Amino acid sequence: FGPRSGGLSAMCERLATMPLAFQPGARWNYGVSTDVVGRLIEVIAGETLDAYLTEHILTPLGMTDTAFSVDDARAPRFASLYETDGVGGMKRAETGEASAFRDGQVTTFSGGGGLLSTIHDYARFTEMLRRGGDLDGERLIGPRTLSFMARNHLPGDLASMGQAVFAETSFAGIGFGLGFSVMLSPETAQTPGSAGDFGWGGMASTTFLVDPVEDMVAIFFTQLVPSSTYPLRKELRALVHQAQID
């Protein structure tokens, strides 16, 4: 489901020829289920995923800098991507000008990743989540539906379901809802947080979390791959929570 992998219909047809890693419900694995949901949206809505997201999410929220590709006007603002150099430093892996996400090159509108955005736009999206699905009078989702999505839908935590660690993040005490990781027990996870806070991380060491208990959103943007390079997510949680004073 990379940016140049082809349309979602063809991608899902190819995916259907692959064997399952295990029987559904037996384990949890970081896979492409949300990418496939993007194709379901296309089938149900009768339009491509990029058009649907623009009409029903991005435009209502005023996320004018969010899309699956970067046009020439926005290219100078598109940050370069960095990777480790193997000796404790970093090197540039891809420039914004030569990115695979430039206009005219993207053929896959993935439901699980690939949207490009800014801190301002993504802050509006996470603020909508914090407010229970509404922002500036634009309601995208009902509060009870969002609450249902942000609950653990597994019989235990991710670690007990076969995924003890992903990238630099331990999954003990962490559950999974409908698109979000969910904090079940900060004590078990050995990281500050609130039971019920939810979020996810990205490939380039990014992360966000929504904490309904503290009525708080935290987002962290960077451009470093792989996301296992530094324990940024646990450190961010610690810094955010230790800075709070009632």
Protein backbone atom coordinates (compact mmCIF):
# COMPACT_ATOMS: atom_id res chain seq x y z
CA PHE A 1 0.00 0.00 0.00
CA GLY A 2 2.83 2.41 -0.80
CA PRO A 3 2.12 5.65 -2.66
CA ARG A 4 2.89 4.13 -6.07
CA SER A 5 1.27 0.71 -5.61
CA GLY A 6 -1.78 1.30 -7.80
CA GLY A 7 -5.48 1.72 -7.11
CA LEU A 8 -7.05 0.26 -3.99
CA SER A 9 -9.24 -2.12 -5.99
CA ALA A 10 -6.22 -3.80 -7.61
CA MET A 11 -4.30 -3.73 -4.34
CA CYS A 12 -7.06 -5.54 -2.47
CA GLU A 13 -7.37 -8.10 -5.25
CA ARG A 14 -3.66 -8.89 -4.87
CA LEU A 15 -3.94 -8.92 -1.09
CA ALA A 16 -6.74 -11.50 -1.27
CA THR A 17 -4.35 -14.01 -2.86
CA MET A 18 -2.06 -13.99 0.19
CA PRO A 19 -2.51 -16.55 3.00
CA LEU A 20 -3.58 -15.41 6.46
CA ALA A 21 -0.86 -15.15 9.09
CA PHE A 22 -3.26 -16.79 11.57
CA GLN A 23 -6.98 -17.37 12.06
CA PRO A 24 -8.96 -14.14 12.62
CA GLY A 25 -9.27 -13.38 16.31
CA ALA A 26 -6.49 -15.73 17.35
CA ARG A 27 -3.82 -13.02 17.55
CA TRP A 28 -3.25 -9.37 16.75
CA ASN A 29 -0.66 -8.18 14.28
CA TYR A 30 0.16 -4.78 12.83
CA GLY A 31 -1.21 -5.27 9.34
CA VAL A 32 -3.20 -3.68 6.52
CA SER A 33 -6.76 -3.92 7.85
CA THR A 34 -7.22 -0.14 7.94
CA ASP A 35 -5.83 0.12 4.41
CA VAL A 36 -8.57 -2.26 3.29
CA VAL A 37 -11.17 -0.11 5.07
CA GLY A 38 -10.17 2.63 2.63
CA ARG A 39 -11.31 0.40 -0.23
CA LEU A 40 -14.58 -0.36 1.57
CA ILE A 41 -15.23 3.38 1.76
CA GLU A 42 -14.70 3.64 -2.00
CA VAL A 43 -17.17 0.83 -2.68
CA ILE A 44 -19.84 2.14 -0.31
CA ALA A 45 -19.48 5.83 -1.23
CA GLY A 46 -18.98 5.27 -4.96
CA GLU A 47 -15.98 7.60 -5.15
CA THR A 48 -12.25 7.44 -4.63
CA LEU A 49 -10.95 7.64 -1.07
CA ASP A 50 -9.12 10.93 -1.63
CA ALA A 51 -12.31 12.59 -2.89
CA TYR A 52 -14.35 11.18 0.00
CA LEU A 53 -11.89 12.32 2.67
CA THR A 54 -11.65 15.80 1.15
CA GLU A 55 -15.43 16.22 1.05
CA HIS A 56 -16.37 14.70 4.40
CA ILE A 57 -13.37 15.34 6.68
CA LEU A 58 -10.68 17.66 5.37
CA THR A 59 -12.86 20.46 4.01
CA PRO A 60 -15.30 20.55 6.97
CA LEU A 61 -12.35 20.76 9.39
CA GLY A 62 -10.53 23.40 7.35
CA MET A 63 -7.55 21.08 6.79
CA THR A 64 -6.45 22.83 3.60
CA ASP A 65 -2.85 21.56 3.73
CA THR A 66 -3.71 17.85 3.94
CA ALA A 67 -3.70 15.57 0.89
CA PHE A 68 -2.22 12.36 -0.50
CA SER A 69 0.30 14.32 -2.60
CA VAL A 70 2.16 17.63 -2.56
CA ASP A 71 1.68 20.10 -5.39
CA ASP A 72 4.32 22.50 -6.71
CA ALA A 73 3.03 25.39 -4.61
CA ARG A 74 3.45 23.45 -1.36
CA ALA A 75 6.66 21.59 -2.30
CA PRO A 76 9.04 24.20 -0.76
CA ARG A 77 7.31 23.60 2.61
CA PHE A 78 7.56 19.80 2.41
CA ALA A 79 10.13 18.65 4.96
CA SER A 80 12.91 16.24 4.02
CA LEU A 81 12.99 12.76 5.53
CA TYR A 82 16.00 11.59 7.56
CA GLU A 83 17.37 8.23 8.64
CA THR A 84 20.15 7.00 10.89
CA ASP A 85 23.64 6.82 9.39
CA GLY A 86 24.70 3.80 11.47
CA VAL A 87 27.30 5.70 13.51
CA GLY A 88 25.10 7.73 15.82
CA GLY A 89 24.10 10.48 13.43
CA MET A 90 21.53 11.17 10.75
CA LYS A 91 21.53 11.52 6.99
CA ARG A 92 18.92 12.73 4.57
CA ALA A 93 16.91 9.87 3.07
CA GLU A 94 14.60 11.85 0.79
CA THR A 95 14.12 15.52 -0.03
CA GLY A 96 10.74 17.14 -0.29
CA GLU A 97 11.41 18.10 -3.90
CA ALA A 98 12.21 14.52 -4.94
CA SER A 99 9.61 12.78 -2.79
CA ALA A 100 7.48 9.89 -4.01
CA PHE A 101 4.51 11.90 -2.72
CA ARG A 102 4.72 14.68 -5.30
CA ASP A 103 1.69 15.45 -7.46
CA GLY A 104 1.21 13.10 -10.39
CA GLN A 105 3.13 10.24 -8.80
CA VAL A 106 0.74 8.96 -6.13
CA THR A 107 -1.56 6.18 -7.33
CA THR A 108 -2.56 4.61 -3.99
CA PHE A 109 -4.91 6.39 -1.58
CA SER A 110 -4.39 4.18 1.44
CA GLY A 111 -6.81 4.04 4.34
CA GLY A 112 -4.00 3.25 6.75
CA GLY A 113 -1.42 5.89 5.88
CA GLY A 114 -0.15 8.26 3.23
CA LEU A 115 -1.92 11.53 3.94
CA LEU A 116 0.52 14.43 4.16
CA SER A 117 -0.28 17.22 6.57
CA THR A 118 0.94 20.06 8.76
CA ILE A 119 1.00 20.47 12.53
CA HIS A 120 -1.79 23.05 12.25
CA ASP A 121 -4.06 20.76 10.23
CA TYR A 122 -3.41 17.70 12.36
CA ALA A 123 -3.97 19.71 15.54
CA ARG A 124 -7.45 20.54 14.23
CA PHE A 125 -8.11 16.86 13.60
CA THR A 126 -7.00 15.78 17.08
CA GLU A 127 -8.90 18.68 18.64
CA MET A 128 -12.02 17.33 16.94
CA LEU A 129 -11.33 13.98 18.62
CA ARG A 130 -10.80 15.65 22.00
CA ARG A 131 -14.15 17.40 21.68
CA GLY A 132 -15.97 14.16 20.94
CA GLY A 133 -16.28 14.47 17.16
CA ASP A 134 -17.17 18.15 16.71
CA LEU A 135 -15.05 21.18 15.86
CA ASP A 136 -16.29 24.71 15.20
CA GLY A 137 -19.82 23.47 14.64
CA GLU A 138 -18.81 20.74 12.18
CA ARG A 139 -19.70 17.32 13.57
CA LEU A 140 -17.87 14.46 11.86
CA ILE A 141 -18.83 11.63 14.18
CA GLY A 142 -21.14 11.07 17.13
CA PRO A 143 -19.55 11.11 20.60
CA ARG A 144 -20.81 7.62 21.46
CA THR A 145 -19.46 6.21 18.20
CA LEU A 146 -16.07 7.78 18.88
CA SER A 147 -16.11 6.48 22.45
CA PHE A 148 -16.83 2.99 21.11
CA MET A 149 -13.90 3.27 18.67
CA ALA A 150 -11.58 4.35 21.48
CA ARG A 151 -12.28 1.30 23.67
CA ASN A 152 -10.23 -1.87 23.72
CA HIS A 153 -11.78 -4.46 21.38
CA LEU A 154 -9.37 -7.27 22.30
CA PRO A 155 -9.80 -9.88 25.05
CA GLY A 156 -6.56 -8.63 26.62
CA ASP A 157 -3.72 -6.26 25.87
CA LEU A 158 -1.66 -6.31 22.66
CA ALA A 159 1.20 -8.11 24.38
CA SER A 160 -1.07 -11.01 25.37
CA MET A 161 -2.36 -11.16 21.78
CA GLY A 162 1.09 -11.87 20.36
CA GLN A 163 2.55 -8.40 19.74
CA ALA A 164 4.72 -7.62 22.75
CA VAL A 165 6.69 -4.79 21.12
CA PHE A 166 6.36 -2.68 17.99
CA ALA A 167 9.13 -0.28 16.95
CA GLU A 168 10.38 1.11 20.26
CA THR A 169 7.02 0.79 22.01
CA SER A 170 6.08 -1.94 24.48
CA PHE A 171 2.49 -3.15 24.14
CA ALA A 172 2.03 -4.46 27.69
CA GLY A 173 -0.97 -2.68 29.19
CA ILE A 174 -2.01 -1.32 25.77
CA GLY A 175 -5.17 -2.42 23.98
CA PHE A 176 -6.51 -1.69 20.51
CA GLY A 177 -9.81 -0.18 19.45
CA LEU A 178 -11.17 0.62 16.01
CA GLY A 179 -8.15 2.47 14.68
CA PHE A 180 -6.52 3.59 17.93
CA SER A 181 -4.22 2.10 20.52
CA VAL A 182 -5.87 2.39 23.94
CA MET A 183 -4.20 2.74 27.32
CA LEU A 184 -5.53 0.02 29.62
CA SER A 185 -3.13 0.30 32.54
CA PRO A 186 -0.35 2.90 32.90
CA GLU A 187 1.14 0.73 35.64
CA THR A 188 1.40 -2.31 33.39
CA ALA A 189 2.60 -0.18 30.49
CA GLN A 190 5.16 1.45 32.81
CA THR A 191 4.52 4.84 31.30
CA PRO A 192 2.57 7.89 32.48
CA GLY A 193 -0.94 8.20 31.09
CA SER A 194 -4.61 7.80 31.83
CA ALA A 195 -6.69 4.68 31.48
CA GLY A 196 -8.67 5.27 28.29
CA ASP A 197 -6.31 7.64 26.51
CA PHE A 198 -5.92 6.75 22.84
CA GLY A 199 -3.76 7.52 19.82
CA TRP A 200 -1.20 6.04 17.43
CA GLY A 201 2.26 6.63 15.99
CA GLY A 202 3.62 7.07 12.49
CA MET A 203 6.49 5.71 10.42
CA ALA A 204 8.68 8.81 10.77
CA SER A 205 8.68 8.71 14.60
CA THR A 206 5.51 10.81 14.89
CA THR A 207 2.81 10.28 17.47
CA PHE A 208 -0.41 11.70 18.88
CA LEU A 209 -2.56 10.97 21.89
CA VAL A 210 -5.93 12.12 23.15
CA ASP A 211 -6.46 11.96 26.92
CA PRO A 212 -10.16 12.31 27.85
CA VAL A 213 -9.34 12.19 31.57
CA GLU A 214 -6.94 15.14 31.44
CA ASP A 215 -8.95 16.76 28.59
CA MET A 216 -5.73 17.03 26.62
CA VAL A 217 -4.20 16.41 23.20
CA ALA A 218 -0.51 15.92 22.47
CA ILE A 219 0.99 15.66 18.98
CA PHE A 220 4.64 15.18 18.04
CA PHE A 221 5.92 15.67 14.50
CA THR A 222 9.36 14.69 13.27
CA GLN A 223 10.88 13.25 10.10
CA LEU A 224 13.07 10.35 11.23
CA VAL A 225 12.94 6.71 10.14
CA PRO A 226 12.76 4.08 11.41
CA SER A 227 10.44 4.92 14.27
CA SER A 228 12.40 2.56 16.50
CA THR A 229 15.46 4.86 16.46
CA TYR A 230 14.71 6.55 19.80
CA PRO A 231 12.12 5.86 22.55
CA LEU A 232 10.42 9.13 21.67
CA ARG A 233 6.87 8.11 22.47
CA LYS A 234 7.49 7.04 26.04
CA GLU A 235 9.69 10.08 26.64
CA LEU A 236 7.00 12.38 25.22
CA ARG A 237 4.39 10.89 27.54
CA ALA A 238 6.67 11.36 30.53
CA LEU A 239 7.44 14.98 29.65
CA VAL A 240 3.81 15.87 28.99
CA HIS A 241 2.45 14.37 32.19
CA GLN A 242 5.20 15.59 34.48
CA ALA A 243 4.61 19.13 33.20
CA GLN A 244 0.96 19.13 34.30
CA ILE A 245 0.13 20.95 37.50
CA ASP A 246 -3.43 20.91 38.85
